Structures are given as structure tokens and as C-alpha cells.
C-alpha atoms as a PDB file:
ATOM      1  CA  MET A   1       0.160  -0.110  -0.114  1.00  0.00           C
ATOM      2  CA  LEU A   2       2.862   2.471   0.278  1.00  0.00           C
ATOM      3  CA  ASP A   3       4.096   1.854  -3.530  1.00  0.00           C
ATOM      4  CA  PRO A   4       2.855   4.409  -5.623  1.00  0.00           C
ATOM      5  CA  ALA A   5       2.389   2.078  -8.358  1.00  0.00           C
ATOM      6  CA  VAL A   6      -0.056   0.301  -6.173  1.00  0.00           C
ATOM      7  CA  ARG A   7      -1.139   3.898  -5.040  1.00  0.00           C
ATOM      8  CA  ARG A   8      -2.449   4.969  -7.776  1.00  0.00           C
ATOM      9  CA  THR A   9      -4.060   1.852  -9.483  1.00  0.00           C
ATOM     10  CA  ARG A  10      -7.524   1.560  -8.598  1.00  0.00           C
ATOM     11  CA  ASP A  11      -7.443  -2.433  -9.705  1.00  0.00           C
ATOM     12  CA  GLU A  12      -4.233  -3.108  -7.569  1.00  0.00           C
ATOM     13  CA  ALA A  13      -5.352  -1.212  -4.404  1.00  0.00           C
ATOM     14  CA  ARG A  14      -8.990  -2.855  -4.888  1.00  0.00           C
ATOM     15  CA  ARG A  15      -7.020  -6.157  -4.342  1.00  0.00           C
ATOM     16  CA  LEU A  16      -5.519  -4.862  -1.206  1.00  0.00           C
ATOM     17  CA  PHE A  17      -8.257  -3.921   0.975  1.00  0.00           C
ATOM     18  CA  ASP A  18     -11.070  -5.348   1.952  1.00  0.00           C
ATOM     19  CA  PRO A  19     -14.667  -4.560   0.747  1.00  0.00           C
ATOM     20  CA  GLU A  20     -15.207  -3.653   5.270  1.00  0.00           C
ATOM     21  CA  PHE A  21     -12.311  -1.753   4.741  1.00  0.00           C
ATOM     22  CA  VAL A  22     -12.458   1.529   7.204  1.00  0.00           C
ATOM     23  CA  GLU A  23      -9.413   3.829   8.204  1.00  0.00           C
ATOM     24  CA  VAL A  24      -8.971   6.653  10.860  1.00  0.00           C
ATOM     25  CA  GLY A  25      -5.642   8.522   8.592  1.00  0.00           C
ATOM     26  CA  ALA A  26      -3.024  10.687  10.431  1.00  0.00           C
ATOM     27  CA  SER A  27      -5.586  13.581   9.580  1.00  0.00           C
ATOM     28  CA  GLY A  28      -8.317  12.150  11.848  1.00  0.00           C
ATOM     29  CA  ARG A  29     -10.616  11.744   8.744  1.00  0.00           C
ATOM     30  CA  ARG A  30     -12.248   8.311   8.592  1.00  0.00           C
ATOM     31  CA  TRP A  31     -12.153   6.398   4.900  1.00  0.00           C
ATOM     32  CA  THR A  32     -14.337   4.358   4.274  1.00  0.00           C
ATOM     33  CA  TYR A  33     -13.615   1.472   1.484  1.00  0.00           C
ATOM     34  CA  GLU A  34     -15.495   3.405  -1.508  1.00  0.00           C
ATOM     35  CA  GLU A  35     -13.566   6.854  -0.611  1.00  0.00           C
ATOM     36  CA  MET A  36     -10.091   5.318  -0.219  1.00  0.00           C
ATOM     37  CA  LEU A  37     -10.454   3.702  -3.944  1.00  0.00           C
ATOM     38  CA  ALA A  38     -12.049   6.734  -4.937  1.00  0.00           C
ATOM     39  CA  GLU A  39      -9.275   9.016  -3.932  1.00  0.00           C
ATOM     40  CA  LEU A  40      -5.603   7.205  -2.879  1.00  0.00           C
ATOM     41  CA  PRO A  41      -4.593   7.576  -6.727  1.00  0.00           C
ATOM     42  CA  GLU A  42      -4.403  11.373  -5.481  1.00  0.00           C
ATOM     43  CA  LEU A  43      -3.160  11.492  -1.799  1.00  0.00           C
ATOM     44  CA  GLU A  44       0.320  12.158  -0.951  1.00  0.00           C
ATOM     45  CA  GLY A  45       2.789   9.251  -1.374  1.00  0.00           C
ATOM     46  CA  GLY A  46       1.003   8.367  -4.927  1.00  0.00           C
ATOM     47  CA  LEU A  47       2.028  10.621  -7.363  1.00  0.00           C
ATOM     48  CA  PRO A  48       4.787   9.397  -9.420  1.00  0.00           C
ATOM     49  CA  ASP A  49       7.201  12.334  -9.049  1.00  0.00           C
ATOM     50  CA  GLY A  50       5.979  13.014  -5.583  1.00  0.00           C
ATOM     51  CA  SER A  51       7.258  11.965  -1.864  1.00  0.00           C
ATOM     52  CA  ARG A  52       7.506   8.936  -1.188  1.00  0.00           C
ATOM     53  CA  PHE A  53       6.179   7.217   2.767  1.00  0.00           C
ATOM     54  CA  GLU A  54       9.987   5.411   4.388  1.00  0.00           C
ATOM     55  CA  PRO A  55       8.495   3.301   6.460  1.00  0.00           C
ATOM     56  CA  SER A  56      10.780   1.405   9.546  1.00  0.00           C
ATOM     57  CA  GLU A  57      10.089  -0.159  12.487  1.00  0.00           C
ATOM     58  CA  LEU A  58       7.741  -2.756  10.446  1.00  0.00           C
ATOM     59  CA  ARG A  59       6.246  -5.595  13.173  1.00  0.00           C
ATOM     60  CA  GLY A  60       3.303  -8.272  12.509  1.00  0.00           C
ATOM     61  CA  VAL A  61       1.655 -10.270  15.005  1.00  0.00           C
ATOM     62  CA  LEU A  62      -0.938 -13.027  14.273  1.00  0.00           C
ATOM     63  CA  LEU A  63      -4.095 -13.115  15.819  1.00  0.00           C
ATOM     64  CA  ALA A  64      -5.880 -15.690  14.630  1.00  0.00           C
ATOM     65  CA  PRO A  65      -4.855 -18.148  11.762  1.00  0.00           C
ATOM     66  CA  ASP A  66      -6.520 -15.472   9.424  1.00  0.00           C
ATOM     67  CA  LEU A  67      -5.751 -11.681  10.910  1.00  0.00           C
ATOM     68  CA  VAL A  68      -2.699 -10.155  11.296  1.00  0.00           C
ATOM     69  CA  HIS A  69      -2.042  -6.976  13.304  1.00  0.00           C
ATOM     70  CA  VAL A  70       0.727  -5.134  11.604  1.00  0.00           C
ATOM     71  CA  THR A  71       2.808  -1.556  13.292  1.00  0.00           C
ATOM     72  CA  TYR A  72       4.851   0.280  11.740  1.00  0.00           C
ATOM     73  CA  GLU A  73       6.398   3.989  11.173  1.00  0.00           C
ATOM     74  CA  THR A  74       6.544   6.243   8.241  1.00  0.00           C
ATOM     75  CA  LEU A  75       8.131   9.328   7.241  1.00  0.00           C
ATOM     76  CA  ILE A  76       7.287  11.459   4.345  1.00  0.00           C
ATOM     77  CA  ASP A  77       8.180  15.257   3.617  1.00  0.00           C
ATOM     78  CA  GLY A  78       9.831  14.967   7.930  1.00  0.00           C
ATOM     79  CA  ARG A  79       6.537  14.009   8.855  1.00  0.00           C
ATOM     80  CA  ARG A  80       6.206  10.473  10.745  1.00  0.00           C
ATOM     81  CA  ALA A  81       3.452   8.815  11.676  1.00  0.00           C
ATOM     82  CA  ARG A  82       2.644   5.750  13.877  1.00  0.00           C
ATOM     83  CA  ARG A  83       0.731   3.370  11.840  1.00  0.00           C
ATOM     84  CA  SER A  84      -1.768   0.328  12.829  1.00  0.00           C
ATOM     85  CA  SER A  85      -3.078  -1.959  10.241  1.00  0.00           C
ATOM     86  CA  ILE A  86      -5.564  -5.532  10.459  1.00  0.00           C
ATOM     87  CA  TRP A  87      -5.372  -7.521   7.728  1.00  0.00           C
ATOM     88  CA  ARG A  88      -7.342 -10.457   7.525  1.00  0.00           C
ATOM     89  CA  LYS A  89      -6.929 -12.902   4.813  1.00  0.00           C
ATOM     90  CA  GLY A  90     -10.447 -13.695   2.321  1.00  0.00           C
ATOM     91  CA  ALA A  91     -11.999 -16.571   1.514  1.00  0.00           C
ATOM     92  CA  GLY A  92     -10.870 -18.533  -1.415  1.00  0.00           C
ATOM     93  CA  ASP A  93      -8.375 -16.866  -3.672  1.00  0.00           C
ATOM     94  CA  ALA A  94      -8.932 -13.380  -2.165  1.00  0.00           C
ATOM     95  CA  GLY A  95      -5.493 -13.396  -0.499  1.00  0.00           C
ATOM     96  CA  TRP A  96      -4.650 -10.857   2.624  1.00  0.00           C
ATOM     97  CA  ARG A  97      -6.536  -7.723   2.629  1.00  0.00           C
ATOM     98  CA  MET A  98      -6.726  -4.606   5.018  1.00  0.00           C
ATOM     99  CA  TYR A  99      -9.394  -4.791   7.175  1.00  0.00           C
ATOM    100  CA  TYR A 100      -8.493  -1.591   9.033  1.00  0.00           C
ATOM    101  CA  HIS A 101      -5.703   0.955   9.108  1.00  0.00           C
ATOM    102  CA  GLN A 102      -4.965   4.057  11.797  1.00  0.00           C
ATOM    103  CA  GLY A 103      -2.372   6.729  11.302  1.00  0.00           C
ATOM    104  CA  THR A 104      -1.457   9.295  14.115  1.00  0.00           C
ATOM    105  CA  PRO A 105       0.881  11.660  13.701  1.00  0.00           C
ATOM    106  CA  VAL A 106       4.121  11.716  16.127  1.00  0.00           C
ATOM    107  CA  PRO A 107       5.341  15.466  17.230  1.00  0.00           C
ATOM    108  CA  ALA A 108       8.321  16.992  15.939  1.00  0.00           C
ATOM    109  CA  GLY A 109      11.060  15.944  18.390  1.00  0.00           C
END
């Protein structure tokens, strides 16, 4: 989801978002599946010549056989955020999809 090529391609993003996806972004905005698919290509980190997310401290914890909690930090344009995602395995060939995501800004200093 941090790859600009994925962020720009709705079909790729659709493959990675669970249909029940919800996000509470670092801005405090609540996003639904449809809203995120519609706006993701234009959001920060998705433009071909724009800034890119730099992830760090990636960790995953298996909560159940089909549920993983992933935490990490990102840096983009000097702004750091702590991020938390829940991924669940879909039925059949759906694979792993992001079910929930939250971003929390980290104050400077």
C-alpha cells in the first residue's frame, strides 16, 4: 500500500483493501472502502514524481489464523506517523486484505 504504483492503480488497491475496510487517517479523517479507492491515487505518496513513504520498525503479530496486526512508522516530507493495520485473509483466492488502518502523527522532537 506504500508503493506509488499500487496507490495509483485502483485495481491493485481494490485487490489489497477488504470490502469492509475503514481507516482513521493521521489527519483524523474517517475513510471508507469506496472513499479510499476513489481518492487514493491523488493522496500523498501516490504521485509518480512526488514524495514517497519511508517505512520503518515494521512488526506483525498473528491474532488468529486469518488475522494479522501490523504496526510500523512512516516518514514523508519530514513528517513521521505511527501506523497500525489489521489484515485479514479473504475466502478462496482473495488473499490478505487490509481490513482496518489507523495513522497517528508523531510530534516533532
